[in-house]
Structures are given as structure tokens and as C-alpha cells.
Amino acid sequence: VDLSQVNKNKVGTYPVTLSYEGQTCSYDVTYSINTKKQYELVTNSSSLKAGDTIVIGNKDAKKVNGDFESKYLTAVNAEFSDDTISSNDACEFVLGGSSSAWTLSTTGDNPKQLGSKSGGDLVLGGTTGTFTWKITCSSDSWSLASTATDNGKMYFNSGSPRFKCYTSSTMASIEIYKLVSVAKVLIPSVDSVYGEKDDTF
């Protein structure tokens, strides 16, 4: 196997040649970047500060919050391992304000704040609703509640998978996770095969 032309630390396409008993088979291997985000369970709300990036999860269902839709946050799959999760599909929120009244803003060029209305419906942006939140958490209990009591707390609805506020609920509890790392991983893929090759190679 000739791997001499492959630079595994650099994005690009490289030829790889296999030789066996006089026969050769060559592949074009392309290395591309895959970004992998990792989040860690928040076990003490006092560790949170303005500028932190968080997501909302439910480890039993292996779900994390996705994008805002209508009046709730969608639920997307994530990889859960002990007290960490990996996901590139979560909708992240950046903390602003202070512990007595956090704001949750989406990332990107046009950030919008997550809010809630009386009864529990969520809103994203605009001026109708309450856009401040109270976060409390310990080693085994988490709460993301609107500062307006009538707007309820965030729960996970397993029957119709989504994250939403409810004022009185038997829905599943949530956990809060904080972004701790963004890893860039080189992923190889085979683009084409050329050269001589038979069924026994």
C-alpha cells in the first residue's frame, strides 16, 4: 500500500495505490473538514456567565433542541455520552444579561432572542412576550423558566417531540448543556477507482 502522497493534516485529494501479486488498484482519497461540537452538562447555575453558549437537552430521549418552529423548539438527535453531548444540528443560544434575568439569543449574523408568552408558547424575536429567563440547576435537577410566572417552564414533550414551556405539566424534564469545544476533524472519502482490478483483489 503506497500512502506516501497522502497528507492527513491537510484538506485535499490524494492518490492511494494498492499492489498485490503484480496487480494494482488506485483510489482517489479526499480529505474534507467535519466540524464536531461538544457540550457539557451544567451542574451548577453559578458557573454560567454572559457570553456562554447553551443548548437544551433530554438525555433519556437522546434529543437536543433544534430550530424554532411556530411556538416551540424542534427536537433533533444528538450523541450522548455520560455528561457530554455531541451535535452539529442543535440551535445554540448565547446567554446575555445576568443570572436574575438571562436573555437567550440565537447565533449568526442576525441574532434573535427567545421569549415566551402567557400559557407557554415560545416566540423568537419581535416585541410580544417576555424575553428574560431564570436558570437553576444542580447535579440532578434543571429548570429554564420565564421570569413571567404565567409563561411557565421549559419541558420536553416526548409524545410530540419538542421543547416548549408549560405552566402545569407532567412532561419530561430538561437538562442544560454548555458549549465547551469545537473540533475540526478530517474525514476521508473514496472518490474513484482506477487501474487493473479483478474479483480476487
C-alpha atoms as a PDB file:
ATOM      1  CA  VAL A   1       0.000   0.000   0.000  1.00  0.00           C
ATOM      2  CA  ASP A   2       1.501   3.334  -1.059  1.00  0.00           C
ATOM      3  CA  LEU A   3       0.304   6.121   1.236  1.00  0.00           C
ATOM      4  CA  SER A   4       3.319   8.348   0.662  1.00  0.00           C
ATOM      5  CA  GLN A   5       1.330  11.059  -1.141  1.00  0.00           C
ATOM      6  CA  VAL A   6      -1.385  11.343   1.476  1.00  0.00           C
ATOM      7  CA  ASN A   7      -1.151  14.330   3.811  1.00  0.00           C
ATOM      8  CA  LYS A   8      -3.634  13.551   6.565  1.00  0.00           C
ATOM      9  CA  ASN A   9      -3.253  17.001   8.063  1.00  0.00           C
ATOM     10  CA  LYS A  10      -4.450  18.873   5.011  1.00  0.00           C
ATOM     11  CA  VAL A  11      -7.712  19.043   3.063  1.00  0.00           C
ATOM     12  CA  GLY A  12      -7.311  17.789  -0.489  1.00  0.00           C
ATOM     13  CA  THR A  13      -7.450  14.802  -2.845  1.00  0.00           C
ATOM     14  CA  TYR A  14      -4.619  12.269  -2.892  1.00  0.00           C
ATOM     15  CA  PRO A  15      -3.972   9.094  -4.908  1.00  0.00           C
ATOM     16  CA  VAL A  16      -3.562   5.843  -2.965  1.00  0.00           C
ATOM     17  CA  THR A  17      -2.191   2.783  -4.787  1.00  0.00           C
ATOM     18  CA  LEU A  18      -2.675  -0.828  -3.661  1.00  0.00           C
ATOM     19  CA  SER A  19      -0.370  -3.521  -5.088  1.00  0.00           C
ATOM     20  CA  TYR A  20      -0.756  -7.272  -4.699  1.00  0.00           C
ATOM     21  CA  GLU A  21       0.864 -10.103  -6.713  1.00  0.00           C
ATOM     22  CA  GLY A  22       1.526  -7.920  -9.723  1.00  0.00           C
ATOM     23  CA  GLN A  23      -1.844  -6.213  -9.777  1.00  0.00           C
ATOM     24  CA  THR A  24      -2.519  -2.610  -8.842  1.00  0.00           C
ATOM     25  CA  CYS A  25      -5.590  -0.683  -7.893  1.00  0.00           C
ATOM     26  CA  SER A  26      -5.578   3.065  -7.271  1.00  0.00           C
ATOM     27  CA  TYR A  27      -8.011   5.252  -5.366  1.00  0.00           C
ATOM     28  CA  ASP A  28      -8.543   8.977  -5.082  1.00  0.00           C
ATOM     29  CA  VAL A  29      -8.998   9.744  -1.388  1.00  0.00           C
ATOM     30  CA  THR A  30     -10.412  13.150  -0.479  1.00  0.00           C
ATOM     31  CA  TYR A  31      -9.996  14.604   2.999  1.00  0.00           C
ATOM     32  CA  SER A  32     -12.652  17.127   3.994  1.00  0.00           C
ATOM     33  CA  ILE A  33     -13.347  19.050   7.201  1.00  0.00           C
ATOM     34  CA  ASN A  34     -16.132  17.953   9.535  1.00  0.00           C
ATOM     35  CA  THR A  35     -16.891  20.225  12.486  1.00  0.00           C
ATOM     36  CA  LYS A  36     -17.937  18.463  15.677  1.00  0.00           C
ATOM     37  CA  LYS A  37     -19.362  20.484  18.563  1.00  0.00           C
ATOM     38  CA  GLN A  38     -19.318  19.174  22.108  1.00  0.00           C
ATOM     39  CA  TYR A  39     -21.451  20.369  25.009  1.00  0.00           C
ATOM     40  CA  GLU A  40     -21.055  19.630  28.712  1.00  0.00           C
ATOM     41  CA  LEU A  41     -23.792  19.235  31.298  1.00  0.00           C
ATOM     42  CA  VAL A  42     -24.184  22.289  33.547  1.00  0.00           C
ATOM     43  CA  THR A  43     -24.295  21.092  37.146  1.00  0.00           C
ATOM     44  CA  ASN A  44     -24.209  24.469  38.877  1.00  0.00           C
ATOM     45  CA  SER A  45     -26.056  27.519  37.572  1.00  0.00           C
ATOM     46  CA  SER A  46     -23.482  29.810  39.209  1.00  0.00           C
ATOM     47  CA  SER A  47     -20.950  28.614  36.606  1.00  0.00           C
ATOM     48  CA  LEU A  48     -22.931  30.264  33.810  1.00  0.00           C
ATOM     49  CA  LYS A  49     -21.946  33.709  32.588  1.00  0.00           C
ATOM     50  CA  ALA A  50     -22.905  36.141  29.838  1.00  0.00           C
ATOM     51  CA  GLY A  51     -21.410  35.004  26.537  1.00  0.00           C
ATOM     52  CA  ASP A  52     -21.762  31.285  27.243  1.00  0.00           C
ATOM     53  CA  THR A  53     -23.406  29.206  24.527  1.00  0.00           C
ATOM     54  CA  ILE A  54     -26.007  26.690  25.686  1.00  0.00           C
ATOM     55  CA  VAL A  55     -28.432  24.120  24.323  1.00  0.00           C
ATOM     56  CA  ILE A  56     -31.372  22.313  25.915  1.00  0.00           C
ATOM     57  CA  GLY A  57     -31.443  18.524  26.017  1.00  0.00           C
ATOM     58  CA  ASN A  58     -33.218  15.430  27.243  1.00  0.00           C
ATOM     59  CA  LYS A  59     -30.781  12.559  27.728  1.00  0.00           C
ATOM     60  CA  ASP A  60     -33.441   9.859  28.080  1.00  0.00           C
ATOM     61  CA  ALA A  61     -34.744  10.603  24.589  1.00  0.00           C
ATOM     62  CA  LYS A  62     -31.261  11.492  23.282  1.00  0.00           C
ATOM     63  CA  LYS A  63     -32.670  14.743  21.944  1.00  0.00           C
ATOM     64  CA  VAL A  64     -31.450  18.324  21.919  1.00  0.00           C
ATOM     65  CA  ASN A  65     -33.283  21.455  20.842  1.00  0.00           C
ATOM     66  CA  GLY A  66     -33.338  22.283  17.156  1.00  0.00           C
ATOM     67  CA  ASP A  67     -34.655  25.390  15.424  1.00  0.00           C
ATOM     68  CA  PHE A  68     -37.647  27.451  16.459  1.00  0.00           C
ATOM     69  CA  GLU A  69     -40.874  26.455  14.719  1.00  0.00           C
ATOM     70  CA  SER A  70     -44.187  28.253  15.194  1.00  0.00           C
ATOM     71  CA  LYS A  71     -44.401  28.173  19.006  1.00  0.00           C
ATOM     72  CA  TYR A  72     -41.817  25.632  20.147  1.00  0.00           C
ATOM     73  CA  LEU A  73     -38.276  24.373  19.591  1.00  0.00           C
ATOM     74  CA  THR A  74     -37.940  21.257  17.484  1.00  0.00           C
ATOM     75  CA  ALA A  75     -36.107  18.195  18.825  1.00  0.00           C
ATOM     76  CA  VAL A  76     -33.121  16.749  16.944  1.00  0.00           C
ATOM     77  CA  ASN A  77     -30.917  13.728  17.576  1.00  0.00           C
ATOM     78  CA  ALA A  78     -27.634  14.045  19.456  1.00  0.00           C
ATOM     79  CA  GLU A  79     -24.878  11.744  20.687  1.00  0.00           C
ATOM     80  CA  PHE A  80     -24.982  11.448  24.477  1.00  0.00           C
ATOM     81  CA  SER A  81     -22.038  10.122  26.482  1.00  0.00           C
ATOM     82  CA  ASP A  82     -22.046  10.448  30.262  1.00  0.00           C
ATOM     83  CA  ASP A  83     -22.340  14.201  30.905  1.00  0.00           C
ATOM     84  CA  THR A  84     -21.498  15.384  27.395  1.00  0.00           C
ATOM     85  CA  ILE A  85     -23.307  15.538  24.078  1.00  0.00           C
ATOM     86  CA  SER A  86     -22.147  15.998  20.505  1.00  0.00           C
ATOM     87  CA  SER A  87     -24.342  17.631  17.906  1.00  0.00           C
ATOM     88  CA  ASN A  88     -23.972  19.792  14.824  1.00  0.00           C
ATOM     89  CA  ASP A  89     -27.739  20.215  14.470  1.00  0.00           C
ATOM     90  CA  ALA A  90     -28.624  21.933  17.745  1.00  0.00           C
ATOM     91  CA  CYS A  91     -29.868  25.516  17.712  1.00  0.00           C
ATOM     92  CA  GLU A  92     -27.485  27.321  20.039  1.00  0.00           C
ATOM     93  CA  PHE A  93     -28.371  30.195  22.356  1.00  0.00           C
ATOM     94  CA  VAL A  94     -25.931  32.755  23.698  1.00  0.00           C
ATOM     95  CA  LEU A  95     -26.533  33.988  27.238  1.00  0.00           C
ATOM     96  CA  GLY A  96     -26.868  37.707  27.849  1.00  0.00           C
ATOM     97  CA  GLY A  97     -27.924  39.762  30.831  1.00  0.00           C
ATOM     98  CA  SER A  98     -27.375  38.288  34.276  1.00  0.00           C
ATOM     99  CA  SER A  99     -28.455  35.348  36.426  1.00  0.00           C
ATOM    100  CA  SER A 100     -31.604  37.106  37.619  1.00  0.00           C
ATOM    101  CA  ALA A 101     -32.778  37.734  34.043  1.00  0.00           C
ATOM    102  CA  TRP A 102     -30.895  35.874  31.317  1.00  0.00           C
ATOM    103  CA  THR A 103     -31.543  36.526  27.646  1.00  0.00           C
ATOM    104  CA  LEU A 104     -31.174  33.706  25.098  1.00  0.00           C
ATOM    105  CA  SER A 105     -30.069  34.880  21.659  1.00  0.00           C
ATOM    106  CA  THR A 106     -29.552  32.776  18.553  1.00  0.00           C
ATOM    107  CA  THR A 107     -26.127  32.800  16.931  1.00  0.00           C
ATOM    108  CA  GLY A 108     -25.290  34.117  13.480  1.00  0.00           C
ATOM    109  CA  ASP A 109     -25.415  37.453  11.702  1.00  0.00           C
ATOM    110  CA  ASN A 110     -28.993  38.233  12.700  1.00  0.00           C
ATOM    111  CA  PRO A 111     -29.441  37.047  16.305  1.00  0.00           C
ATOM    112  CA  LYS A 112     -32.942  36.915  17.765  1.00  0.00           C
ATOM    113  CA  GLN A 113     -33.976  36.483  21.363  1.00  0.00           C
ATOM    114  CA  LEU A 114     -36.047  33.542  22.540  1.00  0.00           C
ATOM    115  CA  GLY A 115     -39.102  34.538  24.524  1.00  0.00           C
ATOM    116  CA  SER A 116     -42.339  33.118  25.851  1.00  0.00           C
ATOM    117  CA  LYS A 117     -45.962  34.174  26.133  1.00  0.00           C
ATOM    118  CA  SER A 118     -48.665  33.570  28.702  1.00  0.00           C
ATOM    119  CA  GLY A 119     -49.628  29.898  28.545  1.00  0.00           C
ATOM    120  CA  GLY A 120     -46.205  28.724  27.395  1.00  0.00           C
ATOM    121  CA  ASP A 121     -45.956  29.355  23.659  1.00  0.00           C
ATOM    122  CA  LEU A 122     -42.454  30.347  22.590  1.00  0.00           C
ATOM    123  CA  VAL A 123     -41.590  33.310  20.379  1.00  0.00           C
ATOM    124  CA  LEU A 124     -38.395  34.221  18.567  1.00  0.00           C
ATOM    125  CA  GLY A 125     -37.707  37.892  18.126  1.00  0.00           C
ATOM    126  CA  GLY A 126     -40.333  40.590  17.972  1.00  0.00           C
ATOM    127  CA  THR A 127     -41.730  42.568  20.888  1.00  0.00           C
ATOM    128  CA  THR A 128     -44.634  40.400  22.057  1.00  0.00           C
ATOM    129  CA  GLY A 129     -43.730  38.216  25.006  1.00  0.00           C
ATOM    130  CA  THR A 130     -41.246  38.037  27.860  1.00  0.00           C
ATOM    131  CA  PHE A 131     -37.625  37.666  26.777  1.00  0.00           C
ATOM    132  CA  THR A 132     -35.875  37.025  30.079  1.00  0.00           C
ATOM    133  CA  TRP A 133     -35.260  33.699  31.788  1.00  0.00           C
ATOM    134  CA  LYS A 134     -34.207  32.210  35.097  1.00  0.00           C
ATOM    135  CA  ILE A 135     -31.872  29.198  35.016  1.00  0.00           C
ATOM    136  CA  THR A 136     -31.416  26.970  38.042  1.00  0.00           C
ATOM    137  CA  CYS A 137     -29.592  23.670  38.096  1.00  0.00           C
ATOM    138  CA  SER A 138     -27.872  21.201  40.367  1.00  0.00           C
ATOM    139  CA  SER A 139     -26.397  17.775  39.825  1.00  0.00           C
ATOM    140  CA  ASP A 140     -29.774  16.198  39.054  1.00  0.00           C
ATOM    141  CA  SER A 141     -32.312  18.987  38.517  1.00  0.00           C
ATOM    142  CA  TRP A 142     -32.576  21.694  35.868  1.00  0.00           C
ATOM    143  CA  SER A 143     -35.038  24.492  35.266  1.00  0.00           C
ATOM    144  CA  LEU A 144     -35.324  27.055  32.494  1.00  0.00           C
ATOM    145  CA  ALA A 145     -38.236  29.277  33.480  1.00  0.00           C
ATOM    146  CA  SER A 146     -39.623  32.511  32.115  1.00  0.00           C
ATOM    147  CA  THR A 147     -39.325  35.410  34.529  1.00  0.00           C
ATOM    148  CA  ALA A 148     -43.066  35.850  33.931  1.00  0.00           C
ATOM    149  CA  THR A 149     -44.719  33.195  36.112  1.00  0.00           C
ATOM    150  CA  ASP A 150     -47.722  32.806  33.792  1.00  0.00           C
ATOM    151  CA  ASN A 151     -45.420  31.754  30.955  1.00  0.00           C
ATOM    152  CA  GLY A 152     -44.257  28.552  32.617  1.00  0.00           C
ATOM    153  CA  LYS A 153     -41.073  26.481  32.432  1.00  0.00           C
ATOM    154  CA  MET A 154     -39.333  24.636  29.626  1.00  0.00           C
ATOM    155  CA  TYR A 155     -40.056  20.894  29.307  1.00  0.00           C
ATOM    156  CA  PHE A 156     -39.525  18.147  26.754  1.00  0.00           C
ATOM    157  CA  ASN A 157     -42.694  16.778  25.177  1.00  0.00           C
ATOM    158  CA  SER A 158     -41.893  13.147  24.333  1.00  0.00           C
ATOM    159  CA  GLY A 159     -45.327  12.466  22.814  1.00  0.00           C
ATOM    160  CA  SER A 160     -44.823  15.156  20.178  1.00  0.00           C
ATOM    161  CA  PRO A 161     -41.052  15.595  20.374  1.00  0.00           C
ATOM    162  CA  ARG A 162     -40.349  19.283  21.037  1.00  0.00           C
ATOM    163  CA  PHE A 163     -39.148  21.684  23.687  1.00  0.00           C
ATOM    164  CA  LYS A 164     -41.732  24.145  24.954  1.00  0.00           C
ATOM    165  CA  CYS A 165     -42.888  25.995  28.072  1.00  0.00           C
ATOM    166  CA  TYR A 166     -45.786  24.614  30.087  1.00  0.00           C
ATOM    167  CA  THR A 167     -47.437  26.191  33.113  1.00  0.00           C
ATOM    168  CA  SER A 168     -48.510  22.879  34.617  1.00  0.00           C
ATOM    169  CA  SER A 169     -47.030  19.764  33.159  1.00  0.00           C
ATOM    170  CA  THR A 170     -46.191  16.109  33.546  1.00  0.00           C
ATOM    171  CA  MET A 171     -43.812  16.445  30.598  1.00  0.00           C
ATOM    172  CA  ALA A 172     -40.218  15.270  30.827  1.00  0.00           C
ATOM    173  CA  SER A 173     -37.635  17.456  32.478  1.00  0.00           C
ATOM    174  CA  ILE A 174     -34.740  19.037  30.604  1.00  0.00           C
ATOM    175  CA  GLU A 175     -31.015  19.467  31.083  1.00  0.00           C
ATOM    176  CA  ILE A 176     -28.840  22.450  30.229  1.00  0.00           C
ATOM    177  CA  TYR A 177     -25.593  21.907  28.317  1.00  0.00           C
ATOM    178  CA  LYS A 178     -22.815  24.416  27.627  1.00  0.00           C
ATOM    179  CA  LEU A 179     -20.591  24.507  24.554  1.00  0.00           C
ATOM    180  CA  VAL A 180     -17.060  23.518  25.567  1.00  0.00           C
ATOM    181  CA  SER A 181     -15.273  22.680  22.318  1.00  0.00           C
ATOM    182  CA  VAL A 182     -15.478  22.790  18.548  1.00  0.00           C
ATOM    183  CA  ALA A 183     -13.306  20.140  16.930  1.00  0.00           C
ATOM    184  CA  LYS A 184     -12.431  20.076  13.246  1.00  0.00           C
ATOM    185  CA  VAL A 185     -11.917  16.523  12.045  1.00  0.00           C
ATOM    186  CA  LEU A 186     -10.525  15.457   8.677  1.00  0.00           C
ATOM    187  CA  ILE A 187     -12.870  12.899   7.120  1.00  0.00           C
ATOM    188  CA  PRO A 188     -11.600  10.667   4.259  1.00  0.00           C
ATOM    189  CA  SER A 189     -13.801   9.531   1.385  1.00  0.00           C
ATOM    190  CA  VAL A 190     -13.029   7.470  -1.732  1.00  0.00           C
ATOM    191  CA  ASP A 191     -13.882   9.381  -4.901  1.00  0.00           C
ATOM    192  CA  SER A 192     -12.922   6.961  -7.668  1.00  0.00           C
ATOM    193  CA  VAL A 193     -11.129   3.726  -8.511  1.00  0.00           C
ATOM    194  CA  TYR A 194      -8.884   3.217 -11.484  1.00  0.00           C
ATOM    195  CA  GLY A 195      -6.272   0.725 -12.712  1.00  0.00           C
ATOM    196  CA  GLU A 196      -6.426  -3.041 -13.069  1.00  0.00           C
ATOM    197  CA  LYS A 197      -8.558  -4.981 -10.602  1.00  0.00           C
ATOM    198  CA  ASP A 198     -10.141  -8.443 -10.574  1.00  0.00           C
ATOM    199  CA  ASP A 199     -12.633 -10.132  -8.242  1.00  0.00           C
ATOM    200  CA  THR A 200      -9.911 -11.644  -6.057  1.00  0.00           C
ATOM    201  CA  PHE A 201      -8.015  -8.435  -5.412  1.00  0.00           C
END
